[in-house]
Amino acid sequence: MKMQIQEALNTLNLPVLISFEDIKSRYYELSKKYHPDLNQEDSNMNMREINEAYTVLKQYIFNYRFSFSDEEIMKQFPEDAHARHFRF
């Protein structure tokens, strides 16, 4: 079953308005915490969920950025376009 965007945000414990840099930072933080080599208790399941959540959000952002030109993004979200924050 493919994880939905809201589930991915909840898995990584992220707010609805977030930049890609914040997503990546949170992913690396959780990956270090739950990596199977560093943490033996249920880390395998947690790492799968963390990886899937990161992949879902990364793919959404990739698709979103290449679906619109920068001008269209600035028209839709003028306050977010410069900071490269995304609303989920």
PDB file of N, CA and C in Angstrom:
ATOM      1  N   MET A   1       0.838  -1.189   0.000  1.00  0.00           N
ATOM      2  CA  MET A   1       0.000   0.000   0.000  1.00  0.00           C
ATOM      3  C   MET A   1       0.877   1.245   0.000  1.00  0.00           C
ATOM      4  N   LYS A   2       0.588   2.145  -0.891  1.00  0.00           N
ATOM      5  CA  LYS A   2       1.371   3.371  -0.986  1.00  0.00           C
ATOM      6  C   LYS A   2       0.921   4.372   0.071  1.00  0.00           C
ATOM      7  N   MET A   3       1.887   4.946   0.725  1.00  0.00           N
ATOM      8  CA  MET A   3       1.629   5.925   1.772  1.00  0.00           C
ATOM      9  C   MET A   3       1.126   7.227   1.143  1.00  0.00           C
ATOM     10  N   GLN A   4       0.156   7.855   1.787  1.00  0.00           N
ATOM     11  CA  GLN A   4      -0.369   9.132   1.333  1.00  0.00           C
ATOM     12  C   GLN A   4       0.486  10.262   1.906  1.00  0.00           C
ATOM     13  N   ILE A   5       0.325  11.450   1.353  1.00  0.00           N
ATOM     14  CA  ILE A   5       1.140  12.589   1.767  1.00  0.00           C
ATOM     15  C   ILE A   5       0.929  12.922   3.237  1.00  0.00           C
ATOM     16  N   GLN A   6      -0.310  12.925   3.702  1.00  0.00           N
ATOM     17  CA  GLN A   6      -0.572  13.259   5.105  1.00  0.00           C
ATOM     18  C   GLN A   6       0.057  12.226   6.043  1.00  0.00           C
ATOM     19  N   GLU A   7      -0.010  10.958   5.661  1.00  0.00           N
ATOM     20  CA  GLU A   7       0.638   9.911   6.455  1.00  0.00           C
ATOM     21  C   GLU A   7       2.150  10.115   6.487  1.00  0.00           C
ATOM     22  N   ALA A   8       2.714  10.510   5.355  1.00  0.00           N
ATOM     23  CA  ALA A   8       4.151  10.750   5.273  1.00  0.00           C
ATOM     24  C   ALA A   8       4.558  11.898   6.184  1.00  0.00           C
ATOM     25  N   LEU A   9       3.770  12.969   6.190  1.00  0.00           N
ATOM     26  CA  LEU A   9       4.060  14.101   7.074  1.00  0.00           C
ATOM     27  C   LEU A   9       3.974  13.678   8.535  1.00  0.00           C
ATOM     28  N   ASN A  10       2.975  12.866   8.858  1.00  0.00           N
ATOM     29  CA  ASN A  10       2.828  12.383  10.242  1.00  0.00           C
ATOM     30  C   ASN A  10       3.971  11.460  10.636  1.00  0.00           C
ATOM     31  N   THR A  11       4.406  10.605   9.731  1.00  0.00           N
ATOM     32  CA  THR A  11       5.499   9.680  10.011  1.00  0.00           C
ATOM     33  C   THR A  11       6.780  10.439  10.339  1.00  0.00           C
ATOM     34  N   LEU A  12       7.052  11.497   9.579  1.00  0.00           N
ATOM     35  CA  LEU A  12       8.256  12.289   9.818  1.00  0.00           C
ATOM     36  C   LEU A  12       8.019  13.412  10.827  1.00  0.00           C
ATOM     37  N   ASN A  13       6.788  13.504  11.338  1.00  0.00           N
ATOM     38  CA  ASN A  13       6.420  14.514  12.337  1.00  0.00           C
ATOM     39  C   ASN A  13       6.726  15.919  11.822  1.00  0.00           C
ATOM     40  N   LEU A  14       6.133  16.243  10.660  1.00  0.00           N
ATOM     41  CA  LEU A  14       6.367  17.525  10.011  1.00  0.00           C
ATOM     42  C   LEU A  14       5.080  18.327   9.906  1.00  0.00           C
ATOM     43  N   PRO A  15       5.180  19.671   9.893  1.00  0.00           N
ATOM     44  CA  PRO A  15       3.988  20.509   9.700  1.00  0.00           C
ATOM     45  C   PRO A  15       3.541  20.497   8.239  1.00  0.00           C
ATOM     46  N   VAL A  16       2.425  21.141   7.967  1.00  0.00           N
ATOM     47  CA  VAL A  16       1.856  21.146   6.625  1.00  0.00           C
ATOM     48  C   VAL A  16       2.627  22.071   5.684  1.00  0.00           C
ATOM     49  N   LEU A  17       3.186  23.150   6.193  1.00  0.00           N
ATOM     50  CA  LEU A  17       3.982  24.070   5.384  1.00  0.00           C
ATOM     51  C   LEU A  17       5.450  23.848   5.722  1.00  0.00           C
ATOM     52  N   ILE A  18       6.199  23.352   4.762  1.00  0.00           N
ATOM     53  CA  ILE A  18       7.576  22.921   5.048  1.00  0.00           C
ATOM     54  C   ILE A  18       8.437  23.075   3.799  1.00  0.00           C
ATOM     55  N   SER A  19       9.701  23.318   3.998  1.00  0.00           N
ATOM     56  CA  SER A  19      10.629  23.390   2.864  1.00  0.00           C
ATOM     57  C   SER A  19      11.255  22.014   2.650  1.00  0.00           C
ATOM     58  N   PHE A  20      11.781  21.799   1.448  1.00  0.00           N
ATOM     59  CA  PHE A  20      12.408  20.522   1.159  1.00  0.00           C
ATOM     60  C   PHE A  20      13.642  20.305   2.037  1.00  0.00           C
ATOM     61  N   GLU A  21      14.356  21.377   2.340  1.00  0.00           N
ATOM     62  CA  GLU A  21      15.531  21.262   3.202  1.00  0.00           C
ATOM     63  C   GLU A  21      15.144  20.762   4.594  1.00  0.00           C
ATOM     64  N   ASP A  22      13.990  21.215   5.092  1.00  0.00           N
ATOM     65  CA  ASP A  22      13.510  20.749   6.400  1.00  0.00           C
ATOM     66  C   ASP A  22      13.105  19.275   6.349  1.00  0.00           C
ATOM     67  N   ILE A  23      12.503  18.862   5.249  1.00  0.00           N
ATOM     68  CA  ILE A  23      12.123  17.455   5.067  1.00  0.00           C
ATOM     69  C   ILE A  23      13.376  16.584   5.068  1.00  0.00           C
ATOM     70  N   LYS A  24      14.370  17.012   4.293  1.00  0.00           N
ATOM     71  CA  LYS A  24      15.613  16.247   4.189  1.00  0.00           C
ATOM     72  C   LYS A  24      16.323  16.185   5.548  1.00  0.00           C
ATOM     73  N   SER A  25      16.347  17.294   6.264  1.00  0.00           N
ATOM     74  CA  SER A  25      16.984  17.343   7.574  1.00  0.00           C
ATOM     75  C   SER A  25      16.310  16.386   8.562  1.00  0.00           C
ATOM     76  N   ARG A  26      14.983  16.402   8.563  1.00  0.00           N
ATOM     77  CA  ARG A  26      14.231  15.514   9.466  1.00  0.00           C
ATOM     78  C   ARG A  26      14.458  14.049   9.086  1.00  0.00           C
ATOM     79  N   TYR A  27      14.509  13.762   7.789  1.00  0.00           N
ATOM     80  CA  TYR A  27      14.757  12.402   7.324  1.00  0.00           C
ATOM     81  C   TYR A  27      16.113  11.903   7.824  1.00  0.00           C
ATOM     82  N   TYR A  28      17.149  12.710   7.678  1.00  0.00           N
ATOM     83  CA  TYR A  28      18.481  12.299   8.123  1.00  0.00           C
ATOM     84  C   TYR A  28      18.530  12.110   9.636  1.00  0.00           C
ATOM     85  N   GLU A  29      17.841  12.978  10.351  1.00  0.00           N
ATOM     86  CA  GLU A  29      17.794  12.870  11.814  1.00  0.00           C
ATOM     87  C   GLU A  29      17.145  11.552  12.249  1.00  0.00           C
ATOM     88  N   LEU A  30      15.995  11.231  11.654  1.00  0.00           N
ATOM     89  CA  LEU A  30      15.299   9.993  12.008  1.00  0.00           C
ATOM     90  C   LEU A  30      16.038   8.756  11.512  1.00  0.00           C
ATOM     91  N   SER A  31      16.695   8.869  10.370  1.00  0.00           N
ATOM     92  CA  SER A  31      17.469   7.742   9.837  1.00  0.00           C
ATOM     93  C   SER A  31      18.605   7.370  10.776  1.00  0.00           C
ATOM     94  N   LYS A  32      19.274   8.366  11.306  1.00  0.00           N
ATOM     95  CA  LYS A  32      20.357   8.091  12.265  1.00  0.00           C
ATOM     96  C   LYS A  32      19.805   7.463  13.545  1.00  0.00           C
ATOM     97  N   LYS A  33      18.648   7.951  13.974  1.00  0.00           N
ATOM     98  CA  LYS A  33      18.063   7.456  15.223  1.00  0.00           C
ATOM     99  C   LYS A  33      17.605   6.003  15.103  1.00  0.00           C
ATOM    100  N   TYR A  34      16.992   5.636  13.969  1.00  0.00           N
ATOM    101  CA  TYR A  34      16.385   4.310  13.816  1.00  0.00           C
ATOM    102  C   TYR A  34      17.161   3.367  12.911  1.00  0.00           C
ATOM    103  N   HIS A  35      18.366   3.709  12.539  1.00  0.00           N
ATOM    104  CA  HIS A  35      19.146   2.843  11.658  1.00  0.00           C
ATOM    105  C   HIS A  35      19.374   1.494  12.327  1.00  0.00           C
ATOM    106  N   PRO A  36      19.184   0.379  11.604  1.00  0.00           N
ATOM    107  CA  PRO A  36      19.316  -0.963  12.199  1.00  0.00           C
ATOM    108  C   PRO A  36      20.692  -1.248  12.808  1.00  0.00           C
ATOM    109  N   ASP A  37      21.736  -0.633  12.294  1.00  0.00           N
ATOM    110  CA  ASP A  37      23.070  -0.858  12.859  1.00  0.00           C
ATOM    111  C   ASP A  37      23.260  -0.153  14.195  1.00  0.00           C
ATOM    112  N   LEU A  38      22.462   0.884  14.431  1.00  0.00           N
ATOM    113  CA  LEU A  38      22.617   1.656  15.663  1.00  0.00           C
ATOM    114  C   LEU A  38      21.544   1.347  16.701  1.00  0.00           C
ATOM    115  N   ASN A  39      20.402   0.844  16.246  1.00  0.00           N
ATOM    116  CA  ASN A  39      19.271   0.602  17.139  1.00  0.00           C
ATOM    117  C   ASN A  39      18.623  -0.723  16.728  1.00  0.00           C
ATOM    118  N   GLN A  40      18.632  -1.699  17.593  1.00  0.00           N
ATOM    119  CA  GLN A  40      18.163  -3.034  17.248  1.00  0.00           C
ATOM    120  C   GLN A  40      16.659  -3.253  17.446  1.00  0.00           C
ATOM    121  N   GLU A  41      15.997  -2.445  18.236  1.00  0.00           N
ATOM    122  CA  GLU A  41      14.595  -2.691  18.558  1.00  0.00           C
ATOM    123  C   GLU A  41      13.655  -2.058  17.536  1.00  0.00           C
ATOM    124  N   ASP A  42      12.973  -2.884  16.777  1.00  0.00           N
ATOM    125  CA  ASP A  42      11.974  -2.462  15.777  1.00  0.00           C
ATOM    126  C   ASP A  42      12.495  -1.428  14.791  1.00  0.00           C
ATOM    127  N   SER A  43      13.782  -1.349  14.622  1.00  0.00           N
ATOM    128  CA  SER A  43      14.323  -0.326  13.737  1.00  0.00           C
ATOM    129  C   SER A  43      14.039  -0.637  12.274  1.00  0.00           C
ATOM    130  N   ASN A  44      13.933  -1.912  11.939  1.00  0.00           N
ATOM    131  CA  ASN A  44      13.686  -2.287  10.548  1.00  0.00           C
ATOM    132  C   ASN A  44      12.358  -1.733  10.053  1.00  0.00           C
ATOM    133  N   MET A  45      11.295  -1.897  10.855  1.00  0.00           N
ATOM    134  CA  MET A  45       9.976  -1.383  10.482  1.00  0.00           C
ATOM    135  C   MET A  45       9.984   0.138  10.447  1.00  0.00           C
ATOM    136  N   ASN A  46      10.615   0.770  11.427  1.00  0.00           N
ATOM    137  CA  ASN A  46      10.672   2.229  11.451  1.00  0.00           C
ATOM    138  C   ASN A  46      11.425   2.773  10.246  1.00  0.00           C
ATOM    139  N   MET A  47      12.521   2.135   9.875  1.00  0.00           N
ATOM    140  CA  MET A  47      13.294   2.605   8.722  1.00  0.00           C
ATOM    141  C   MET A  47      12.500   2.473   7.429  1.00  0.00           C
ATOM    142  N   ARG A  48      11.733   1.402   7.299  1.00  0.00           N
ATOM    143  CA  ARG A  48      10.890   1.253   6.099  1.00  0.00           C
ATOM    144  C   ARG A  48       9.887   2.392   6.003  1.00  0.00           C
ATOM    145  N   GLU A  49       9.240   2.702   7.126  1.00  0.00           N
ATOM    146  CA  GLU A  49       8.252   3.780   7.146  1.00  0.00           C
ATOM    147  C   GLU A  49       8.902   5.134   6.868  1.00  0.00           C
ATOM    148  N   ILE A  50      10.052   5.381   7.462  1.00  0.00           N
ATOM    149  CA  ILE A  50      10.763   6.643   7.262  1.00  0.00           C
ATOM    150  C   ILE A  50      11.190   6.783   5.810  1.00  0.00           C
ATOM    151  N   ASN A  51      11.735   5.724   5.239  1.00  0.00           N
ATOM    152  CA  ASN A  51      12.159   5.763   3.835  1.00  0.00           C
ATOM    153  C   ASN A  51      10.980   5.981   2.892  1.00  0.00           C
ATOM    154  N   GLU A  52       9.888   5.297   3.165  1.00  0.00           N
ATOM    155  CA  GLU A  52       8.707   5.451   2.311  1.00  0.00           C
ATOM    156  C   GLU A  52       8.144   6.865   2.411  1.00  0.00           C
ATOM    157  N   ALA A  53       8.084   7.406   3.620  1.00  0.00           N
ATOM    158  CA  ALA A  53       7.570   8.763   3.814  1.00  0.00           C
ATOM    159  C   ALA A  53       8.433   9.782   3.072  1.00  0.00           C
ATOM    160  N   TYR A  54       9.733   9.641   3.191  1.00  0.00           N
ATOM    161  CA  TYR A  54      10.650  10.559   2.512  1.00  0.00           C
ATOM    162  C   TYR A  54      10.500  10.446   0.994  1.00  0.00           C
ATOM    163  N   THR A  55      10.375   9.235   0.491  1.00  0.00           N
ATOM    164  CA  THR A  55      10.217   9.020  -0.945  1.00  0.00           C
ATOM    165  C   THR A  55       8.923   9.641  -1.463  1.00  0.00           C
ATOM    166  N   VAL A  56       7.836   9.482  -0.722  1.00  0.00           N
ATOM    167  CA  VAL A  56       6.542  10.046  -1.127  1.00  0.00           C
ATOM    168  C   VAL A  56       6.630  11.569  -1.203  1.00  0.00           C
ATOM    169  N   LEU A  57       7.195  12.195  -0.176  1.00  0.00           N
ATOM    170  CA  LEU A  57       7.278  13.652  -0.158  1.00  0.00           C
ATOM    171  C   LEU A  57       8.242  14.171  -1.222  1.00  0.00           C
ATOM    172  N   LYS A  58       9.360  13.495  -1.384  1.00  0.00           N
ATOM    173  CA  LYS A  58      10.341  13.909  -2.388  1.00  0.00           C
ATOM    174  C   LYS A  58       9.745  13.813  -3.790  1.00  0.00           C
ATOM    175  N   GLN A  59       9.006  12.743  -4.056  1.00  0.00           N
ATOM    176  CA  GLN A  59       8.382  12.567  -5.372  1.00  0.00           C
ATOM    177  C   GLN A  59       7.304  13.613  -5.611  1.00  0.00           C
ATOM    178  N   TYR A  60       6.528  13.931  -4.582  1.00  0.00           N
ATOM    179  CA  TYR A  60       5.491  14.957  -4.706  1.00  0.00           C
ATOM    180  C   TYR A  60       6.119  16.300  -5.066  1.00  0.00           C
ATOM    181  N   ILE A  61       7.180  16.666  -4.362  1.00  0.00           N
ATOM    182  CA  ILE A  61       7.841  17.946  -4.618  1.00  0.00           C
ATOM    183  C   ILE A  61       8.460  17.959  -6.008  1.00  0.00           C
ATOM    184  N   PHE A  62       9.091  16.871  -6.397  1.00  0.00           N
ATOM    185  CA  PHE A  62       9.690  16.779  -7.729  1.00  0.00           C
ATOM    186  C   PHE A  62       8.623  16.973  -8.802  1.00  0.00           C
ATOM    187  N   ASN A  63       7.507  16.271  -8.675  1.00  0.00           N
ATOM    188  CA  ASN A  63       6.425  16.383  -9.654  1.00  0.00           C
ATOM    189  C   ASN A  63       5.826  17.783  -9.663  1.00  0.00           C
ATOM    190  N   TYR A  64       5.667  18.376  -8.480  1.00  0.00           N
ATOM    191  CA  TYR A  64       5.072  19.706  -8.367  1.00  0.00           C
ATOM    192  C   TYR A  64       5.964  20.750  -9.036  1.00  0.00           C
ATOM    193  N   ARG A  65       7.255  20.709  -8.756  1.00  0.00           N
ATOM    194  CA  ARG A  65       8.183  21.707  -9.285  1.00  0.00           C
ATOM    195  C   ARG A  65       8.290  21.637 -10.793  1.00  0.00           C
ATOM    196  N   PHE A  66       8.158  20.456 -11.374  1.00  0.00           N
ATOM    197  CA  PHE A  66       8.288  20.330 -12.808  1.00  0.00           C
ATOM    198  C   PHE A  66       6.949  20.370 -13.538  1.00  0.00           C
ATOM    199  N   SER A  67       5.859  20.516 -12.783  1.00  0.00           N
ATOM    200  CA  SER A  67       4.545  20.653 -13.397  1.00  0.00           C
ATOM    201  C   SER A  67       4.245  22.110 -13.732  1.00  0.00           C
ATOM    202  N   PHE A  68       4.889  23.019 -13.017  1.00  0.00           N
ATOM    203  CA  PHE A  68       4.635  24.442 -13.189  1.00  0.00           C
ATOM    204  C   PHE A  68       5.946  25.181 -13.430  1.00  0.00           C
ATOM    205  N   SER A  69       5.838  26.301 -14.109  1.00  0.00           N
ATOM    206  CA  SER A  69       7.017  27.163 -14.256  1.00  0.00           C
ATOM    207  C   SER A  69       7.162  27.980 -12.970  1.00  0.00           C
ATOM    208  N   ASP A  70       8.305  28.600 -12.781  1.00  0.00           N
ATOM    209  CA  ASP A  70       8.505  29.439 -11.593  1.00  0.00           C
ATOM    210  C   ASP A  70       7.520  30.596 -11.548  1.00  0.00           C
ATOM    211  N   GLU A  71       7.154  31.134 -12.707  1.00  0.00           N
ATOM    212  CA  GLU A  71       6.187  32.234 -12.751  1.00  0.00           C
ATOM    213  C   GLU A  71       4.825  31.781 -12.249  1.00  0.00           C
ATOM    214  N   GLU A  72       4.395  30.593 -12.646  1.00  0.00           N
ATOM    215  CA  GLU A  72       3.097  30.071 -12.190  1.00  0.00           C
ATOM    216  C   GLU A  72       3.103  29.818 -10.693  1.00  0.00           C
ATOM    217  N   ILE A  73       4.201  29.309 -10.180  1.00  0.00           N
ATOM    218  CA  ILE A  73       4.309  29.062  -8.738  1.00  0.00           C
ATOM    219  C   ILE A  73       4.237  30.377  -7.978  1.00  0.00           C
ATOM    220  N   MET A  74       4.916  31.410  -8.477  1.00  0.00           N
ATOM    221  CA  MET A  74       4.911  32.708  -7.797  1.00  0.00           C
ATOM    222  C   MET A  74       3.520  33.333  -7.812  1.00  0.00           C
ATOM    223  N   LYS A  75       2.752  33.086  -8.876  1.00  0.00           N
ATOM    224  CA  LYS A  75       1.385  33.605  -8.932  1.00  0.00           C
ATOM    225  C   LYS A  75       0.492  32.886  -7.919  1.00  0.00           C
ATOM    226  N   GLN A  76       0.657  31.568  -7.791  1.00  0.00           N
ATOM    227  CA  GLN A  76      -0.182  30.789  -6.885  1.00  0.00           C
ATOM    228  C   GLN A  76       0.160  31.040  -5.426  1.00  0.00           C
ATOM    229  N   PHE A  77       1.456  31.048  -5.117  1.00  0.00           N
ATOM    230  CA  PHE A  77       1.912  31.180  -3.731  1.00  0.00           C
ATOM    231  C   PHE A  77       3.009  32.231  -3.649  1.00  0.00           C
ATOM    232  N   PRO A  78       2.672  33.502  -3.772  1.00  0.00           N
ATOM    233  CA  PRO A  78       3.722  34.520  -3.793  1.00  0.00           C
ATOM    234  C   PRO A  78       4.560  34.554  -2.520  1.00  0.00           C
ATOM    235  N   GLU A  79       3.965  34.267  -1.382  1.00  0.00           N
ATOM    236  CA  GLU A  79       4.726  34.299  -0.133  1.00  0.00           C
ATOM    237  C   GLU A  79       5.618  33.072   0.026  1.00  0.00           C
ATOM    238  N   ASP A  80       5.302  31.983  -0.669  1.00  0.00           N
ATOM    239  CA  ASP A  80       6.060  30.745  -0.522  1.00  0.00           C
ATOM    240  C   ASP A  80       7.075  30.526  -1.634  1.00  0.00           C
ATOM    241  N   ALA A  81       6.920  31.208  -2.740  1.00  0.00           N
ATOM    242  CA  ALA A  81       7.737  30.911  -3.909  1.00  0.00           C
ATOM    243  C   ALA A  81       9.216  31.177  -3.674  1.00  0.00           C
ATOM    244  N   HIS A  82       9.518  32.228  -2.962  1.00  0.00           N
ATOM    245  CA  HIS A  82      10.925  32.561  -2.752  1.00  0.00           C
ATOM    246  C   HIS A  82      11.567  31.656  -1.719  1.00  0.00           C
ATOM    247  N   ALA A  83      10.805  31.254  -0.734  1.00  0.00           N
ATOM    248  CA  ALA A  83      11.349  30.396   0.331  1.00  0.00           C
ATOM    249  C   ALA A  83      11.323  28.918  -0.062  1.00  0.00           C
ATOM    250  N   ARG A  84      10.639  28.606  -1.156  1.00  0.00           N
ATOM    251  CA  ARG A  84      10.503  27.223  -1.615  1.00  0.00           C
ATOM    252  C   ARG A  84       9.870  26.327  -0.552  1.00  0.00           C
ATOM    253  N   HIS A  85       8.820  26.850   0.062  1.00  0.00           N
ATOM    254  CA  HIS A  85       8.043  26.047   0.994  1.00  0.00           C
ATOM    255  C   HIS A  85       6.894  25.427   0.219  1.00  0.00           C
ATOM    256  N   PHE A  86       6.447  24.290   0.679  1.00  0.00           N
ATOM    257  CA  PHE A  86       5.366  23.586   0.015  1.00  0.00           C
ATOM    258  C   PHE A  86       4.215  23.377   0.985  1.00  0.00           C
ATOM    259  N   ARG A  87       3.007  23.560   0.480  1.00  0.00           N
ATOM    260  CA  ARG A  87       1.798  23.300   1.267  1.00  0.00           C
ATOM    261  C   ARG A  87       1.302  21.914   0.908  1.00  0.00           C
ATOM    262  N   PHE A  88       1.123  21.070   1.919  1.00  0.00           N
ATOM    263  CA  PHE A  88       0.626  19.720   1.661  1.00  0.00           C
ATOM    264  C   PHE A  88      -0.809  19.598   2.074  1.00  0.00           C
TER     265      PHE A  88
END
